[in-house]
């Protein structure tokens, strides 16, 4: 694993990912939500590239950032809406409930991950010294 990770780059990519994920949910225009989804997927691919998971980064870009978002945009275009204003408008009464539920889920998962003592076994570790694709194929 790459031990000389740049913390500033990690925090930048993580903040771009979180802000674009929030923009996907709270954006009122469906096309803008799809574009923010591209930004979110590309920042996730950047995080994968930082930990030397080149195969996962390539799959993230090709499958998610390319194929799925193009499919979403094509589906939006096929629906033939007269105007794209306020097409993704969330109900105001559900925004607070969803935000509280998402926060509780985040803290619950953070507690579980911090307090778990799962040790990796040698059978499940992919040696990241070089090519991760060959490690995945051997596994």
Foldseek 3Di string as FASTA:
>chain_A
DDPPFDVVLVVVLVVLLVVLVVCLQAPQFNLSSLVSQLSNLLSVLVVCVRVLNPVVSVCSCPPPNPDPSVVSVVVVVVVDDPDRGRPNPDDPVCPVVVVVVVVVVVVVVVVCVVPDDDDDDPVPDQDSPDDSVVSVVVD
